[in-house]
Amino acid sequence: MIPHPITLPPQPRNDRLIALFLLGVALFAPPLIRVFGAPVTIFGCPLLFIYIFLAWTVVVALIAFDVERRNEPKRSSTTASSSLPP
């Protein structure tokens, strides 16, 4: 008798991390980097440096937010209602 393979339900949180990875790949793709490679400065900093810094900050912040939400304990409606005073 062959045992049935164990299938896990899809996890949307892993899907979010994959989507954030793909967002990072898209933000740092050479065609988009070339758009910001123009010889323009903002407060003396090249536009490309500002774009890379902000894009990296956004990607890291979104990943950190998603991972921290993953580590929070899940609240159920029975737990929340039982902690209320009568």
C-alpha atoms as a PDB file:
ATOM      1  CA  MET A   1       0.000   0.000   0.000  1.00  0.00           C
ATOM      2  CA  ILE A   2       1.414   3.392  -1.027  1.00  0.00           C
ATOM      3  CA  PRO A   3       0.934   6.190   1.516  1.00  0.00           C
ATOM      4  CA  HIS A   4      -0.754   9.343   0.269  1.00  0.00           C
ATOM      5  CA  PRO A   5       1.483  12.394   0.104  1.00  0.00           C
ATOM      6  CA  ILE A   6       0.796  15.018   2.714  1.00  0.00           C
ATOM      7  CA  THR A   7      -0.475  18.212   1.163  1.00  0.00           C
ATOM      8  CA  LEU A   8      -0.307  21.457   3.064  1.00  0.00           C
ATOM      9  CA  PRO A   9      -2.868  24.196   2.607  1.00  0.00           C
ATOM     10  CA  PRO A  10      -1.619  27.235   0.717  1.00  0.00           C
ATOM     11  CA  GLN A  11      -0.175  29.882   2.974  1.00  0.00           C
ATOM     12  CA  PRO A  12      -0.946  33.450   1.920  1.00  0.00           C
ATOM     13  CA  ARG A  13       1.884  34.821   4.042  1.00  0.00           C
ATOM     14  CA  ASN A  14       4.435  32.943   1.952  1.00  0.00           C
ATOM     15  CA  ASP A  15       2.704  34.311  -1.115  1.00  0.00           C
ATOM     16  CA  ARG A  16       3.155  37.827   0.261  1.00  0.00           C
ATOM     17  CA  LEU A  17       6.874  37.274   0.763  1.00  0.00           C
ATOM     18  CA  ILE A  18       7.194  35.987  -2.792  1.00  0.00           C
ATOM     19  CA  ALA A  19       5.300  39.048  -4.036  1.00  0.00           C
ATOM     20  CA  LEU A  20       7.626  41.338  -2.058  1.00  0.00           C
ATOM     21  CA  PHE A  21      10.632  39.571  -3.554  1.00  0.00           C
ATOM     22  CA  LEU A  22       9.221  40.113  -7.040  1.00  0.00           C
ATOM     23  CA  LEU A  23       8.572  43.763  -6.184  1.00  0.00           C
ATOM     24  CA  GLY A  24      12.236  44.107  -5.213  1.00  0.00           C
ATOM     25  CA  VAL A  25      13.330  42.463  -8.452  1.00  0.00           C
ATOM     26  CA  ALA A  26      11.112  44.836 -10.446  1.00  0.00           C
ATOM     27  CA  LEU A  27      12.315  47.927  -8.565  1.00  0.00           C
ATOM     28  CA  PHE A  28      15.954  47.074  -9.214  1.00  0.00           C
ATOM     29  CA  ALA A  29      15.565  45.935 -12.819  1.00  0.00           C
ATOM     30  CA  PRO A  30      17.998  47.673 -15.187  1.00  0.00           C
ATOM     31  CA  PRO A  31      15.300  49.392 -17.319  1.00  0.00           C
ATOM     32  CA  LEU A  32      13.851  51.117 -14.255  1.00  0.00           C
ATOM     33  CA  ILE A  33      17.297  51.948 -12.888  1.00  0.00           C
ATOM     34  CA  ARG A  34      18.163  53.619 -16.227  1.00  0.00           C
ATOM     35  CA  VAL A  35      15.139  55.920 -15.849  1.00  0.00           C
ATOM     36  CA  PHE A  36      16.585  57.291 -12.615  1.00  0.00           C
ATOM     37  CA  GLY A  37      20.137  57.395 -13.993  1.00  0.00           C
ATOM     38  CA  ALA A  38      19.578  60.878 -15.441  1.00  0.00           C
ATOM     39  CA  PRO A  39      22.101  63.535 -14.411  1.00  0.00           C
ATOM     40  CA  VAL A  40      19.665  65.194 -11.993  1.00  0.00           C
ATOM     41  CA  THR A  41      20.477  66.013  -8.399  1.00  0.00           C
ATOM     42  CA  ILE A  42      18.222  66.650  -5.428  1.00  0.00           C
ATOM     43  CA  PHE A  43      19.930  68.563  -2.633  1.00  0.00           C
ATOM     44  CA  GLY A  44      23.251  67.648  -4.238  1.00  0.00           C
ATOM     45  CA  CYS A  45      22.582  63.872  -4.316  1.00  0.00           C
ATOM     46  CA  PRO A  46      22.149  62.082  -7.640  1.00  0.00           C
ATOM     47  CA  LEU A  47      18.593  60.962  -8.302  1.00  0.00           C
ATOM     48  CA  LEU A  48      19.765  57.367  -8.791  1.00  0.00           C
ATOM     49  CA  PHE A  49      21.188  57.191  -5.243  1.00  0.00           C
ATOM     50  CA  ILE A  50      17.981  58.587  -3.761  1.00  0.00           C
ATOM     51  CA  TYR A  51      15.858  56.116  -5.751  1.00  0.00           C
ATOM     52  CA  ILE A  52      17.957  53.103  -4.737  1.00  0.00           C
ATOM     53  CA  PHE A  53      17.960  54.140  -1.071  1.00  0.00           C
ATOM     54  CA  LEU A  54      14.192  54.735  -0.967  1.00  0.00           C
ATOM     55  CA  ALA A  55      13.329  51.579  -2.920  1.00  0.00           C
ATOM     56  CA  TRP A  56      15.543  49.461  -0.667  1.00  0.00           C
ATOM     57  CA  THR A  57      14.027  51.055   2.446  1.00  0.00           C
ATOM     58  CA  VAL A  58      10.475  50.367   1.243  1.00  0.00           C
ATOM     59  CA  VAL A  59      11.202  46.727   0.376  1.00  0.00           C
ATOM     60  CA  VAL A  60      12.946  46.053   3.711  1.00  0.00           C
ATOM     61  CA  ALA A  61      10.186  47.808   5.686  1.00  0.00           C
ATOM     62  CA  LEU A  62       7.437  45.830   3.932  1.00  0.00           C
ATOM     63  CA  ILE A  63       9.244  42.535   4.533  1.00  0.00           C
ATOM     64  CA  ALA A  64       9.829  43.420   8.199  1.00  0.00           C
ATOM     65  CA  PHE A  65       6.166  44.367   8.614  1.00  0.00           C
ATOM     66  CA  ASP A  66       5.012  41.091   7.082  1.00  0.00           C
ATOM     67  CA  VAL A  67       7.405  38.959   9.140  1.00  0.00           C
ATOM     68  CA  GLU A  68       6.460  40.743  12.376  1.00  0.00           C
ATOM     69  CA  ARG A  69       2.761  40.223  11.643  1.00  0.00           C
ATOM     70  CA  ARG A  70       3.523  36.545  11.150  1.00  0.00           C
ATOM     71  CA  ASN A  71       5.015  36.274  14.643  1.00  0.00           C
ATOM     72  CA  GLU A  72       2.029  37.855  16.409  1.00  0.00           C
ATOM     73  CA  PRO A  73      -0.247  35.382  18.192  1.00  0.00           C
ATOM     74  CA  LYS A  74      -3.594  34.995  16.494  1.00  0.00           C
ATOM     75  CA  ARG A  75      -6.579  36.240  18.442  1.00  0.00           C
ATOM     76  CA  SER A  76      -9.773  34.302  18.309  1.00  0.00           C
ATOM     77  CA  SER A  77     -13.182  35.760  18.997  1.00  0.00           C
ATOM     78  CA  THR A  78     -13.687  33.406  21.985  1.00  0.00           C
ATOM     79  CA  THR A  79     -10.457  34.591  23.628  1.00  0.00           C
ATOM     80  CA  ALA A  80     -11.288  38.236  23.131  1.00  0.00           C
ATOM     81  CA  SER A  81     -14.845  37.880  24.484  1.00  0.00           C
ATOM     82  CA  SER A  82     -13.759  35.802  27.474  1.00  0.00           C
ATOM     83  CA  SER A  83     -11.284  38.459  28.616  1.00  0.00           C
ATOM     84  CA  LEU A  84     -14.011  41.099  28.880  1.00  0.00           C
ATOM     85  CA  PRO A  85     -15.437  41.725  32.348  1.00  0.00           C
ATOM     86  CA  PRO A  86     -19.040  40.549  32.861  1.00  0.00           C
END
